[in-house]
Amino acid sequence: MSTNSTLLAPTPAVSTQDFAVMGILAGLTMEISFSGIISTAVRVFSGDASMGPGGFLPIAIIMSLFNSWSIIYNSLFVWTFFLNPTNCAVGQRATNVSSHFFYVTFGTLKFSLLPYIFE
């Protein structure tokens, strides 16, 4: 009886099609975040918006932070698919920290806009 066993490569956790869809969605999200930063800056620097305590400036700062963390989080999320065993822990930790900042700024943005929504 022969004990000829072949070593098989591990199957990837994400298929090529899934990775393509996630890459497209992350790219679209980063593009929308870049355009959000640009449109917020244009509105702030054009002088059209009121800049007092109840004006647009506090909202603009929170929106810019949210869009910045969205870009960082999506970039790190895509990067985690290319990690190897030597940098996996650091990459996953960086992605986890950036996701927490992303969710906190989203919650802050959501609750800071509620008074404007229900006027």
PDB file of N, CA and C in Angstrom:
ATOM      1  N   MET A   1       0.841  -1.156   0.000  1.00  0.00           N
ATOM      2  CA  MET A   1       0.000   0.000   0.000  1.00  0.00           C
ATOM      3  C   MET A   1       0.895   1.230   0.000  1.00  0.00           C
ATOM      4  N   SER A   2       0.608   2.131  -0.887  1.00  0.00           N
ATOM      5  CA  SER A   2       1.413   3.340  -1.047  1.00  0.00           C
ATOM      6  C   SER A   2       0.820   4.485  -0.234  1.00  0.00           C
ATOM      7  N   THR A   3       1.712   5.233   0.379  1.00  0.00           N
ATOM      8  CA  THR A   3       1.258   6.402   1.143  1.00  0.00           C
ATOM      9  C   THR A   3       1.673   7.670   0.402  1.00  0.00           C
ATOM     10  N   ASN A   4       1.355   7.701  -0.851  1.00  0.00           N
ATOM     11  CA  ASN A   4       1.695   8.841  -1.682  1.00  0.00           C
ATOM     12  C   ASN A   4       0.648   9.939  -1.462  1.00  0.00           C
ATOM     13  N   SER A   5       1.005  10.951  -0.696  1.00  0.00           N
ATOM     14  CA  SER A   5       0.069  12.061  -0.452  1.00  0.00           C
ATOM     15  C   SER A   5       0.600  13.306  -1.138  1.00  0.00           C
ATOM     16  N   THR A   6      -0.291  14.031  -1.705  1.00  0.00           N
ATOM     17  CA  THR A   6       0.111  15.266  -2.367  1.00  0.00           C
ATOM     18  C   THR A   6      -0.234  16.437  -1.451  1.00  0.00           C
ATOM     19  N   LEU A   7       0.643  17.398  -1.436  1.00  0.00           N
ATOM     20  CA  LEU A   7       0.413  18.591  -0.636  1.00  0.00           C
ATOM     21  C   LEU A   7      -0.396  19.584  -1.463  1.00  0.00           C
ATOM     22  N   LEU A   8      -1.526  19.935  -0.953  1.00  0.00           N
ATOM     23  CA  LEU A   8      -2.384  20.876  -1.651  1.00  0.00           C
ATOM     24  C   LEU A   8      -2.199  22.270  -1.079  1.00  0.00           C
ATOM     25  N   ALA A   9      -2.259  23.250  -1.940  1.00  0.00           N
ATOM     26  CA  ALA A   9      -2.178  24.639  -1.478  1.00  0.00           C
ATOM     27  C   ALA A   9      -3.490  24.994  -0.784  1.00  0.00           C
ATOM     28  N   PRO A  10      -3.418  25.783   0.259  1.00  0.00           N
ATOM     29  CA  PRO A  10      -4.658  26.168   0.931  1.00  0.00           C
ATOM     30  C   PRO A  10      -5.538  26.998   0.012  1.00  0.00           C
ATOM     31  N   THR A  11      -6.812  26.771   0.129  1.00  0.00           N
ATOM     32  CA  THR A  11      -7.740  27.538  -0.703  1.00  0.00           C
ATOM     33  C   THR A  11      -7.877  28.944  -0.132  1.00  0.00           C
ATOM     34  N   PRO A  12      -7.962  29.937  -0.987  1.00  0.00           N
ATOM     35  CA  PRO A  12      -8.090  31.303  -0.471  1.00  0.00           C
ATOM     36  C   PRO A  12      -9.453  31.511   0.180  1.00  0.00           C
ATOM     37  N   ALA A  13      -9.478  32.387   1.177  1.00  0.00           N
ATOM     38  CA  ALA A  13     -10.720  32.658   1.891  1.00  0.00           C
ATOM     39  C   ALA A  13     -11.680  33.474   1.046  1.00  0.00           C
ATOM     40  N   VAL A  14     -11.143  34.256   0.135  1.00  0.00           N
ATOM     41  CA  VAL A  14     -11.966  35.106  -0.711  1.00  0.00           C
ATOM     42  C   VAL A  14     -11.696  34.741  -2.164  1.00  0.00           C
ATOM     43  N   SER A  15     -12.762  34.516  -2.907  1.00  0.00           N
ATOM     44  CA  SER A  15     -12.585  34.168  -4.317  1.00  0.00           C
ATOM     45  C   SER A  15     -12.178  35.402  -5.117  1.00  0.00           C
ATOM     46  N   THR A  16     -11.743  35.175  -6.333  1.00  0.00           N
ATOM     47  CA  THR A  16     -11.317  36.267  -7.194  1.00  0.00           C
ATOM     48  C   THR A  16     -12.475  37.211  -7.490  1.00  0.00           C
ATOM     49  N   GLN A  17     -13.653  36.649  -7.709  1.00  0.00           N
ATOM     50  CA  GLN A  17     -14.821  37.484  -7.990  1.00  0.00           C
ATOM     51  C   GLN A  17     -15.187  38.337  -6.776  1.00  0.00           C
ATOM     52  N   ASP A  18     -15.152  37.733  -5.583  1.00  0.00           N
ATOM     53  CA  ASP A  18     -15.459  38.488  -4.366  1.00  0.00           C
ATOM     54  C   ASP A  18     -14.446  39.604  -4.148  1.00  0.00           C
ATOM     55  N   PHE A  19     -13.175  39.294  -4.389  1.00  0.00           N
ATOM     56  CA  PHE A  19     -12.141  40.305  -4.204  1.00  0.00           C
ATOM     57  C   PHE A  19     -12.323  41.445  -5.196  1.00  0.00           C
ATOM     58  N   ALA A  20     -12.712  41.135  -6.418  1.00  0.00           N
ATOM     59  CA  ALA A  20     -12.940  42.188  -7.414  1.00  0.00           C
ATOM     60  C   ALA A  20     -14.098  43.089  -7.001  1.00  0.00           C
ATOM     61  N   VAL A  21     -15.179  42.504  -6.505  1.00  0.00           N
ATOM     62  CA  VAL A  21     -16.325  43.296  -6.068  1.00  0.00           C
ATOM     63  C   VAL A  21     -15.946  44.168  -4.873  1.00  0.00           C
ATOM     64  N   MET A  22     -15.229  43.593  -3.896  1.00  0.00           N
ATOM     65  CA  MET A  22     -14.820  44.378  -2.729  1.00  0.00           C
ATOM     66  C   MET A  22     -13.859  45.496  -3.128  1.00  0.00           C
ATOM     67  N   GLY A  23     -12.976  45.231  -4.068  1.00  0.00           N
ATOM     68  CA  GLY A  23     -12.062  46.262  -4.542  1.00  0.00           C
ATOM     69  C   GLY A  23     -12.782  47.401  -5.242  1.00  0.00           C
ATOM     70  N   ILE A  24     -13.771  47.052  -6.063  1.00  0.00           N
ATOM     71  CA  ILE A  24     -14.557  48.082  -6.749  1.00  0.00           C
ATOM     72  C   ILE A  24     -15.325  48.923  -5.735  1.00  0.00           C
ATOM     73  N   LEU A  25     -15.970  48.270  -4.757  1.00  0.00           N
ATOM     74  CA  LEU A  25     -16.723  49.010  -3.751  1.00  0.00           C
ATOM     75  C   LEU A  25     -15.820  49.904  -2.901  1.00  0.00           C
ATOM     76  N   ALA A  26     -14.648  49.396  -2.524  1.00  0.00           N
ATOM     77  CA  ALA A  26     -13.711  50.218  -1.748  1.00  0.00           C
ATOM     78  C   ALA A  26     -13.219  51.396  -2.583  1.00  0.00           C
ATOM     79  N   GLY A  27     -12.953  51.174  -3.849  1.00  0.00           N
ATOM     80  CA  GLY A  27     -12.520  52.269  -4.723  1.00  0.00           C
ATOM     81  C   GLY A  27     -13.595  53.319  -4.912  1.00  0.00           C
ATOM     82  N   LEU A  28     -14.831  52.882  -5.097  1.00  0.00           N
ATOM     83  CA  LEU A  28     -15.928  53.839  -5.230  1.00  0.00           C
ATOM     84  C   LEU A  28     -16.125  54.631  -3.943  1.00  0.00           C
ATOM     85  N   THR A  29     -16.002  53.960  -2.807  1.00  0.00           N
ATOM     86  CA  THR A  29     -16.145  54.651  -1.525  1.00  0.00           C
ATOM     87  C   THR A  29     -15.042  55.680  -1.340  1.00  0.00           C
ATOM     88  N   MET A  30     -13.817  55.338  -1.704  1.00  0.00           N
ATOM     89  CA  MET A  30     -12.720  56.303  -1.585  1.00  0.00           C
ATOM     90  C   MET A  30     -12.923  57.474  -2.536  1.00  0.00           C
ATOM     91  N   GLU A  31     -13.445  57.219  -3.728  1.00  0.00           N
ATOM     92  CA  GLU A  31     -13.704  58.303  -4.685  1.00  0.00           C
ATOM     93  C   GLU A  31     -14.769  59.250  -4.149  1.00  0.00           C
ATOM     94  N   ILE A  32     -15.822  58.707  -3.560  1.00  0.00           N
ATOM     95  CA  ILE A  32     -16.878  59.534  -2.981  1.00  0.00           C
ATOM     96  C   ILE A  32     -16.333  60.333  -1.795  1.00  0.00           C
ATOM     97  N   SER A  33     -15.455  59.731  -1.013  1.00  0.00           N
ATOM     98  CA  SER A  33     -14.864  60.446   0.126  1.00  0.00           C
ATOM     99  C   SER A  33     -13.981  61.593  -0.334  1.00  0.00           C
ATOM    100  N   PHE A  34     -13.185  61.360  -1.385  1.00  0.00           N
ATOM    101  CA  PHE A  34     -12.366  62.448  -1.932  1.00  0.00           C
ATOM    102  C   PHE A  34     -13.245  63.582  -2.438  1.00  0.00           C
ATOM    103  N   SER A  35     -14.308  63.259  -3.153  1.00  0.00           N
ATOM    104  CA  SER A  35     -15.181  64.319  -3.660  1.00  0.00           C
ATOM    105  C   SER A  35     -15.910  65.020  -2.515  1.00  0.00           C
ATOM    106  N   GLY A  36     -16.205  64.298  -1.415  1.00  0.00           N
ATOM    107  CA  GLY A  36     -16.807  64.935  -0.252  1.00  0.00           C
ATOM    108  C   GLY A  36     -15.873  65.920   0.410  1.00  0.00           C
ATOM    109  N   ILE A  37     -14.593  65.573   0.509  1.00  0.00           N
ATOM    110  CA  ILE A  37     -13.608  66.493   1.079  1.00  0.00           C
ATOM    111  C   ILE A  37     -13.481  67.739   0.202  1.00  0.00           C
ATOM    112  N   ILE A  38     -13.449  67.536  -1.111  1.00  0.00           N
ATOM    113  CA  ILE A  38     -13.308  68.669  -2.028  1.00  0.00           C
ATOM    114  C   ILE A  38     -14.541  69.572  -1.962  1.00  0.00           C
ATOM    115  N   SER A  39     -15.734  68.992  -1.985  1.00  0.00           N
ATOM    116  CA  SER A  39     -16.944  69.822  -1.960  1.00  0.00           C
ATOM    117  C   SER A  39     -17.110  70.543  -0.622  1.00  0.00           C
ATOM    118  N   THR A  40     -16.706  69.904   0.471  1.00  0.00           N
ATOM    119  CA  THR A  40     -16.756  70.571   1.776  1.00  0.00           C
ATOM    120  C   THR A  40     -15.783  71.736   1.817  1.00  0.00           C
ATOM    121  N   ALA A  41     -14.586  71.543   1.299  1.00  0.00           N
ATOM    122  CA  ALA A  41     -13.595  72.625   1.273  1.00  0.00           C
ATOM    123  C   ALA A  41     -14.063  73.776   0.392  1.00  0.00           C
ATOM    124  N   VAL A  42     -14.668  73.468  -0.739  1.00  0.00           N
ATOM    125  CA  VAL A  42     -15.172  74.518  -1.620  1.00  0.00           C
ATOM    126  C   VAL A  42     -16.249  75.331  -0.915  1.00  0.00           C
ATOM    127  N   ARG A  43     -17.139  74.657  -0.217  1.00  0.00           N
ATOM    128  CA  ARG A  43     -18.215  75.374   0.479  1.00  0.00           C
ATOM    129  C   ARG A  43     -17.668  76.227   1.628  1.00  0.00           C
ATOM    130  N   VAL A  44     -16.684  75.705   2.356  1.00  0.00           N
ATOM    131  CA  VAL A  44     -16.110  76.464   3.475  1.00  0.00           C
ATOM    132  C   VAL A  44     -15.356  77.686   2.966  1.00  0.00           C
ATOM    133  N   PHE A  45     -14.529  77.499   1.936  1.00  0.00           N
ATOM    134  CA  PHE A  45     -13.683  78.597   1.478  1.00  0.00           C
ATOM    135  C   PHE A  45     -14.382  79.558   0.524  1.00  0.00           C
ATOM    136  N   SER A  46     -15.571  79.216   0.057  1.00  0.00           N
ATOM    137  CA  SER A  46     -16.281  80.135  -0.829  1.00  0.00           C
ATOM    138  C   SER A  46     -16.983  81.241  -0.058  1.00  0.00           C
ATOM    139  N   GLY A  47     -17.201  81.028   1.241  1.00  0.00           N
ATOM    140  CA  GLY A  47     -17.829  82.046   2.066  1.00  0.00           C
ATOM    141  C   GLY A  47     -19.343  82.029   1.996  1.00  0.00           C
ATOM    142  N   ASP A  48     -19.931  81.025   1.359  1.00  0.00           N
ATOM    143  CA  ASP A  48     -21.381  80.949   1.257  1.00  0.00           C
ATOM    144  C   ASP A  48     -22.036  80.484   2.551  1.00  0.00           C
ATOM    145  N   ALA A  49     -21.311  79.725   3.343  1.00  0.00           N
ATOM    146  CA  ALA A  49     -21.898  79.127   4.544  1.00  0.00           C
ATOM    147  C   ALA A  49     -21.585  79.983   5.768  1.00  0.00           C
ATOM    148  N   SER A  50     -22.521  80.001   6.705  1.00  0.00           N
ATOM    149  CA  SER A  50     -22.274  80.714   7.956  1.00  0.00           C
ATOM    150  C   SER A  50     -21.290  79.907   8.788  1.00  0.00           C
ATOM    151  N   MET A  51     -20.357  80.600   9.420  1.00  0.00           N
ATOM    152  CA  MET A  51     -19.283  79.916  10.130  1.00  0.00           C
ATOM    153  C   MET A  51     -19.373  80.065  11.642  1.00  0.00           C
ATOM    154  N   GLY A  52     -20.504  80.500  12.168  1.00  0.00           N
ATOM    155  CA  GLY A  52     -20.658  80.664  13.609  1.00  0.00           C
ATOM    156  C   GLY A  52     -20.753  79.326  14.307  1.00  0.00           C
ATOM    157  N   PRO A  53     -21.004  79.351  15.627  1.00  0.00           N
ATOM    158  CA  PRO A  53     -21.093  78.106  16.386  1.00  0.00           C
ATOM    159  C   PRO A  53     -22.204  77.176  15.890  1.00  0.00           C
ATOM    160  N   GLY A  54     -23.288  77.754  15.397  1.00  0.00           N
ATOM    161  CA  GLY A  54     -24.363  76.923  14.860  1.00  0.00           C
ATOM    162  C   GLY A  54     -24.306  76.818  13.358  1.00  0.00           C
ATOM    163  N   GLY A  55     -23.223  77.280  12.759  1.00  0.00           N
ATOM    164  CA  GLY A  55     -23.100  77.310  11.312  1.00  0.00           C
ATOM    165  C   GLY A  55     -22.544  76.017  10.735  1.00  0.00           C
ATOM    166  N   PHE A  56     -21.968  76.157   9.569  1.00  0.00           N
ATOM    167  CA  PHE A  56     -21.516  74.998   8.811  1.00  0.00           C
ATOM    168  C   PHE A  56     -20.128  74.517   9.211  1.00  0.00           C
ATOM    169  N   LEU A  57     -19.294  75.356   9.787  1.00  0.00           N
ATOM    170  CA  LEU A  57     -17.901  74.976  10.058  1.00  0.00           C
ATOM    171  C   LEU A  57     -17.763  73.756  10.968  1.00  0.00           C
ATOM    172  N   PRO A  58     -18.488  73.651  12.090  1.00  0.00           N
ATOM    173  CA  PRO A  58     -18.351  72.430  12.901  1.00  0.00           C
ATOM    174  C   PRO A  58     -18.761  71.168  12.130  1.00  0.00           C
ATOM    175  N   ILE A  59     -19.808  71.276  11.341  1.00  0.00           N
ATOM    176  CA  ILE A  59     -20.244  70.137  10.529  1.00  0.00           C
ATOM    177  C   ILE A  59     -19.196  69.814   9.469  1.00  0.00           C
ATOM    178  N   ALA A  60     -18.601  70.847   8.871  1.00  0.00           N
ATOM    179  CA  ALA A  60     -17.579  70.636   7.846  1.00  0.00           C
ATOM    180  C   ALA A  60     -16.357  69.916   8.412  1.00  0.00           C
ATOM    181  N   ILE A  61     -15.983  70.263   9.634  1.00  0.00           N
ATOM    182  CA  ILE A  61     -14.831  69.607  10.265  1.00  0.00           C
ATOM    183  C   ILE A  61     -15.137  68.129  10.497  1.00  0.00           C
ATOM    184  N   ILE A  62     -16.322  67.849  11.012  1.00  0.00           N
ATOM    185  CA  ILE A  62     -16.688  66.448  11.264  1.00  0.00           C
ATOM    186  C   ILE A  62     -16.814  65.678   9.954  1.00  0.00           C
ATOM    187  N   MET A  63     -17.391  66.298   8.920  1.00  0.00           N
ATOM    188  CA  MET A  63     -17.515  65.630   7.623  1.00  0.00           C
ATOM    189  C   MET A  63     -16.143  65.336   7.025  1.00  0.00           C
ATOM    190  N   SER A  64     -15.215  66.277   7.166  1.00  0.00           N
ATOM    191  CA  SER A  64     -13.867  66.052   6.630  1.00  0.00           C
ATOM    192  C   SER A  64     -13.140  64.947   7.390  1.00  0.00           C
ATOM    193  N   LEU A  65     -13.309  64.907   8.709  1.00  0.00           N
ATOM    194  CA  LEU A  65     -12.714  63.811   9.487  1.00  0.00           C
ATOM    195  C   LEU A  65     -13.300  62.471   9.071  1.00  0.00           C
ATOM    196  N   PHE A  66     -14.617  62.421   8.909  1.00  0.00           N
ATOM    197  CA  PHE A  66     -15.262  61.175   8.490  1.00  0.00           C
ATOM    198  C   PHE A  66     -14.763  60.730   7.118  1.00  0.00           C
ATOM    199  N   ASN A  67     -14.705  61.647   6.167  1.00  0.00           N
ATOM    200  CA  ASN A  67     -14.242  61.281   4.824  1.00  0.00           C
ATOM    201  C   ASN A  67     -12.780  60.858   4.834  1.00  0.00           C
ATOM    202  N   SER A  68     -11.965  61.505   5.653  1.00  0.00           N
ATOM    203  CA  SER A  68     -10.548  61.117   5.751  1.00  0.00           C
ATOM    204  C   SER A  68     -10.413  59.714   6.332  1.00  0.00           C
ATOM    205  N   TRP A  69     -11.142  59.417   7.410  1.00  0.00           N
ATOM    206  CA  TRP A  69     -11.075  58.081   7.993  1.00  0.00           C
ATOM    207  C   TRP A  69     -11.686  57.041   7.074  1.00  0.00           C
ATOM    208  N   SER A  70     -12.635  57.434   6.256  1.00  0.00           N
ATOM    209  CA  SER A  70     -13.190  56.500   5.277  1.00  0.00           C
ATOM    210  C   SER A  70     -12.128  56.083   4.265  1.00  0.00           C
ATOM    211  N   ILE A  71     -11.346  57.031   3.806  1.00  0.00           N
ATOM    212  CA  ILE A  71     -10.265  56.725   2.862  1.00  0.00           C
ATOM    213  C   ILE A  71      -9.214  55.839   3.524  1.00  0.00           C
ATOM    214  N   ILE A  72      -8.822  56.189   4.732  1.00  0.00           N
ATOM    215  CA  ILE A  72      -7.805  55.405   5.445  1.00  0.00           C
ATOM    216  C   ILE A  72      -8.304  53.994   5.707  1.00  0.00           C
ATOM    217  N   TYR A  73      -9.538  53.870   6.198  1.00  0.00           N
ATOM    218  CA  TYR A  73     -10.085  52.553   6.529  1.00  0.00           C
ATOM    219  C   TYR A  73     -10.226  51.679   5.286  1.00  0.00           C
ATOM    220  N   ASN A  74     -10.728  52.223   4.199  1.00  0.00           N
ATOM    221  CA  ASN A  74     -10.878  51.423   2.989  1.00  0.00           C
ATOM    222  C   ASN A  74      -9.535  51.015   2.400  1.00  0.00           C
ATOM    223  N   SER A  75      -8.550  51.895   2.473  1.00  0.00           N
ATOM    224  CA  SER A  75      -7.211  51.541   1.997  1.00  0.00           C
ATOM    225  C   SER A  75      -6.615  50.402   2.819  1.00  0.00           C
ATOM    226  N   LEU A  76      -6.734  50.503   4.143  1.00  0.00           N
ATOM    227  CA  LEU A  76      -6.202  49.447   5.003  1.00  0.00           C
ATOM    228  C   LEU A  76      -6.986  48.144   4.850  1.00  0.00           C
ATOM    229  N   PHE A  77      -8.296  48.249   4.636  1.00  0.00           N
ATOM    230  CA  PHE A  77      -9.110  47.051   4.457  1.00  0.00           C
ATOM    231  C   PHE A  77      -8.661  46.267   3.226  1.00  0.00           C
ATOM    232  N   VAL A  78      -8.425  46.958   2.127  1.00  0.00           N
ATOM    233  CA  VAL A  78      -7.940  46.281   0.922  1.00  0.00           C
ATOM    234  C   VAL A  78      -6.533  45.750   1.152  1.00  0.00           C
ATOM    235  N   TRP A  79      -5.690  46.498   1.884  1.00  0.00           N
ATOM    236  CA  TRP A  79      -4.318  46.071   2.146  1.00  0.00           C
ATOM    237  C   TRP A  79      -4.276  44.781   2.949  1.00  0.00           C
ATOM    238  N   THR A  80      -5.261  44.530   3.811  1.00  0.00           N
ATOM    239  CA  THR A  80      -5.234  43.324   4.638  1.00  0.00           C
ATOM    240  C   THR A  80      -5.290  42.049   3.817  1.00  0.00           C
ATOM    241  N   PHE A  81      -5.787  42.107   2.601  1.00  0.00           N
ATOM    242  CA  PHE A  81      -5.821  40.907   1.764  1.00  0.00           C
ATOM    243  C   PHE A  81      -4.447  40.528   1.238  1.00  0.00           C
ATOM    244  N   PHE A  82      -3.478  41.421   1.322  1.00  0.00           N
ATOM    245  CA  PHE A  82      -2.139  41.157   0.815  1.00  0.00           C
ATOM    246  C   PHE A  82      -1.121  40.943   1.927  1.00  0.00           C
ATOM    247  N   LEU A  83      -1.581  40.797   3.161  1.00  0.00           N
ATOM    248  CA  LEU A  83      -0.660  40.617   4.277  1.00  0.00           C
ATOM    249  C   LEU A  83      -0.088  39.212   4.289  1.00  0.00           C
ATOM    250  N   ASN A  84       1.119  39.081   4.793  1.00  0.00           N
ATOM    251  CA  ASN A  84       1.727  37.766   4.977  1.00  0.00           C
ATOM    252  C   ASN A  84       1.873  37.515   6.478  1.00  0.00           C
ATOM    253  N   PRO A  85       2.300  36.351   6.882  1.00  0.00           N
ATOM    254  CA  PRO A  85       2.360  36.051   8.320  1.00  0.00           C
ATOM    255  C   PRO A  85       3.255  36.977   9.141  1.00  0.00           C
ATOM    256  N   THR A  86       4.206  37.652   8.524  1.00  0.00           N
ATOM    257  CA  THR A  86       5.094  38.512   9.304  1.00  0.00           C
ATOM    258  C   THR A  86       4.462  39.860   9.657  1.00  0.00           C
ATOM    259  N   ASN A  87       3.549  40.348   8.835  1.00  0.00           N
ATOM    260  CA  ASN A  87       2.941  41.650   9.127  1.00  0.00           C
ATOM    261  C   ASN A  87       1.426  41.573   9.306  1.00  0.00           C
ATOM    262  N   CYS A  88       0.900  40.394   9.498  1.00  0.00           N
ATOM    263  CA  CYS A  88      -0.542  40.210   9.610  1.00  0.00           C
ATOM    264  C   CYS A  88      -1.098  40.866  10.874  1.00  0.00           C
ATOM    265  N   ALA A  89      -0.440  40.678  11.994  1.00  0.00           N
ATOM    266  CA  ALA A  89      -0.959  41.220  13.257  1.00  0.00           C
ATOM    267  C   ALA A  89      -0.966  42.741  13.237  1.00  0.00           C
ATOM    268  N   VAL A  90       0.097  43.340  12.734  1.00  0.00           N
ATOM    269  CA  VAL A  90       0.173  44.799  12.677  1.00  0.00           C
ATOM    270  C   VAL A  90      -0.875  45.354  11.716  1.00  0.00           C
ATOM    271  N   GLY A  91      -1.028  44.727  10.569  1.00  0.00           N
ATOM    272  CA  GLY A  91      -2.006  45.185   9.588  1.00  0.00           C
ATOM    273  C   GLY A  91      -3.431  45.062  10.082  1.00  0.00           C
ATOM    274  N   GLN A  92      -3.747  43.944  10.719  1.00  0.00           N
ATOM    275  CA  GLN A  92      -5.101  43.766  11.252  1.00  0.00           C
ATOM    276  C   GLN A  92      -5.379  44.755  12.378  1.00  0.00           C
ATOM    277  N   ARG A  93      -4.392  45.021  13.219  1.00  0.00           N
ATOM    278  CA  ARG A  93      -4.577  45.981  14.303  1.00  0.00           C
ATOM    279  C   ARG A  93      -4.788  47.392  13.750  1.00  0.00           C
ATOM    280  N   ALA A  94      -4.015  47.776  12.743  1.00  0.00           N
ATOM    281  CA  ALA A  94      -4.179  49.099  12.130  1.00  0.00           C
ATOM    282  C   ALA A  94      -5.552  49.226  11.482  1.00  0.00           C
ATOM    283  N   THR A  95      -6.018  48.170  10.824  1.00  0.00           N
ATOM    284  CA  THR A  95      -7.346  48.194  10.218  1.00  0.00           C
ATOM    285  C   THR A  95      -8.424  48.278  11.279  1.00  0.00           C
ATOM    286  N   ASN A  96      -8.246  47.570  12.381  1.00  0.00           N
ATOM    287  CA  ASN A  96      -9.220  47.597  13.465  1.00  0.00           C
ATOM    288  C   ASN A  96      -9.305  48.991  14.092  1.00  0.00           C
ATOM    289  N   VAL A  97      -8.158  49.606  14.352  1.00  0.00           N
ATOM    290  CA  VAL A  97      -8.152  50.952  14.938  1.00  0.00           C
ATOM    291  C   VAL A  97      -8.797  51.951  13.980  1.00  0.00           C
ATOM    292  N   SER A  98      -8.447  51.874  12.702  1.00  0.00           N
ATOM    293  CA  SER A  98      -9.034  52.816  11.747  1.00  0.00           C
ATOM    294  C   SER A  98     -10.528  52.586  11.580  1.00  0.00           C
ATOM    295  N   SER A  99     -10.984  51.340  11.700  1.00  0.00           N
ATOM    296  CA  SER A  99     -12.429  51.100  11.603  1.00  0.00           C
ATOM    297  C   SER A  99     -13.154  51.707  12.794  1.00  0.00           C
ATOM    298  N   HIS A 100     -12.549  51.667  13.975  1.00  0.00           N
ATOM    299  CA  HIS A 100     -13.182  52.285  15.134  1.00  0.00           C
ATOM    300  C   HIS A 100     -13.282  53.803  14.966  1.00  0.00           C
ATOM    301  N   PHE A 101     -12.223  54.444  14.478  1.00  0.00           N
ATOM    302  CA  PHE A 101     -12.290  55.882  14.209  1.00  0.00           C
ATOM    303  C   PHE A 101     -13.339  56.187  13.147  1.00  0.00           C
ATOM    304  N   PHE A 102     -13.429  55.341  12.133  1.00  0.00           N
ATOM    305  CA  PHE A 102     -14.420  55.510  11.071  1.00  0.00           C
ATOM    306  C   PHE A 102     -15.830  55.463  11.644  1.00  0.00           C
ATOM    307  N   TYR A 103     -16.119  54.474  12.491  1.00  0.00           N
ATOM    308  CA  TYR A 103     -17.462  54.340  13.061  1.00  0.00           C
ATOM    309  C   TYR A 103     -17.775  55.454  14.055  1.00  0.00           C
ATOM    310  N   VAL A 104     -16.788  55.885  14.831  1.00  0.00           N
ATOM    311  CA  VAL A 104     -17.019  56.966  15.794  1.00  0.00           C
ATOM    312  C   VAL A 104     -17.311  58.278  15.064  1.00  0.00           C
ATOM    313  N   THR A 105     -16.545  58.580  14.019  1.00  0.00           N
ATOM    314  CA  THR A 105     -16.813  59.816  13.285  1.00  0.00           C
ATOM    315  C   THR A 105     -18.142  59.740  12.548  1.00  0.00           C
ATOM    316  N   PHE A 106     -18.546  58.560  12.099  1.00  0.00           N
ATOM    317  CA  PHE A 106     -19.863  58.430  11.471  1.00  0.00           C
ATOM    318  C   PHE A 106     -20.971  58.685  12.485  1.00  0.00           C
ATOM    319  N   GLY A 107     -20.832  58.136  13.681  1.00  0.00           N
ATOM    320  CA  GLY A 107     -21.830  58.363  14.720  1.00  0.00           C
ATOM    321  C   GLY A 107     -21.896  59.821  15.123  1.00  0.00           C
ATOM    322  N   THR A 108     -20.740  60.473  15.216  1.00  0.00           N
ATOM    323  CA  THR A 108     -20.704  61.892  15.549  1.00  0.00           C
ATOM    324  C   THR A 108     -21.370  62.713  14.457  1.00  0.00           C
ATOM    325  N   LEU A 109     -21.090  62.370  13.207  1.00  0.00           N
ATOM    326  CA  LEU A 109     -21.688  63.082  12.087  1.00  0.00           C
ATOM    327  C   LEU A 109     -23.199  62.893  12.072  1.00  0.00           C
ATOM    328  N   LYS A 110     -23.634  61.667  12.306  1.00  0.00           N
ATOM    329  CA  LYS A 110     -25.066  61.370  12.288  1.00  0.00           C
ATOM    330  C   LYS A 110     -25.797  62.169  13.366  1.00  0.00           C
ATOM    331  N   PHE A 111     -25.282  62.170  14.584  1.00  0.00           N
ATOM    332  CA  PHE A 111     -25.967  62.858  15.669  1.00  0.00           C
ATOM    333  C   PHE A 111     -25.797  64.372  15.604  1.00  0.00           C
ATOM    334  N   SER A 112     -24.750  64.865  14.956  1.00  0.00           N
ATOM    335  CA  SER A 112     -24.603  66.310  14.822  1.00  0.00           C
ATOM    336  C   SER A 112     -25.519  66.866  13.734  1.00  0.00           C
ATOM    337  N   LEU A 113     -25.953  66.024  12.805  1.00  0.00           N
ATOM    338  CA  LEU A 113     -26.850  66.479  11.752  1.00  0.00           C
ATOM    339  C   LEU A 113     -28.322  66.333  12.113  1.00  0.00           C
ATOM    340  N   LEU A 114     -28.632  65.622  13.190  1.00  0.00           N
ATOM    341  CA  LEU A 114     -30.038  65.427  13.546  1.00  0.00           C
ATOM    342  C   LEU A 114     -30.813  66.721  13.759  1.00  0.00           C
ATOM    343  N   PRO A 115     -30.256  67.743  14.432  1.00  0.00           N
ATOM    344  CA  PRO A 115     -31.031  68.985  14.577  1.00  0.00           C
ATOM    345  C   PRO A 115     -31.369  69.652  13.240  1.00  0.00           C
ATOM    346  N   TYR A 116     -30.487  69.490  12.226  1.00  0.00           N
ATOM    347  CA  TYR A 116     -30.743  70.085  10.918  1.00  0.00           C
ATOM    348  C   TYR A 116     -31.786  69.295  10.143  1.00  0.00           C
ATOM    349  N   ILE A 117     -31.856  68.000  10.389  1.00  0.00           N
ATOM    350  CA  ILE A 117     -32.808  67.165   9.675  1.00  0.00           C
ATOM    351  C   ILE A 117     -34.225  67.423  10.180  1.00  0.00           C
ATOM    352  N   PHE A 118     -34.359  67.600  11.491  1.00  0.00           N
ATOM    353  CA  PHE A 118     -35.699  67.728  12.086  1.00  0.00           C
ATOM    354  C   PHE A 118     -36.066  69.178  12.399  1.00  0.00           C
ATOM    355  N   GLU A 119     -35.614  70.140  11.585  1.00  0.00           N
ATOM    356  CA  GLU A 119     -35.971  71.538  11.798  1.00  0.00           C
ATOM    357  C   GLU A 119     -37.385  71.795  11.373  1.00  0.00           C
TER     358      GLU A 119
END
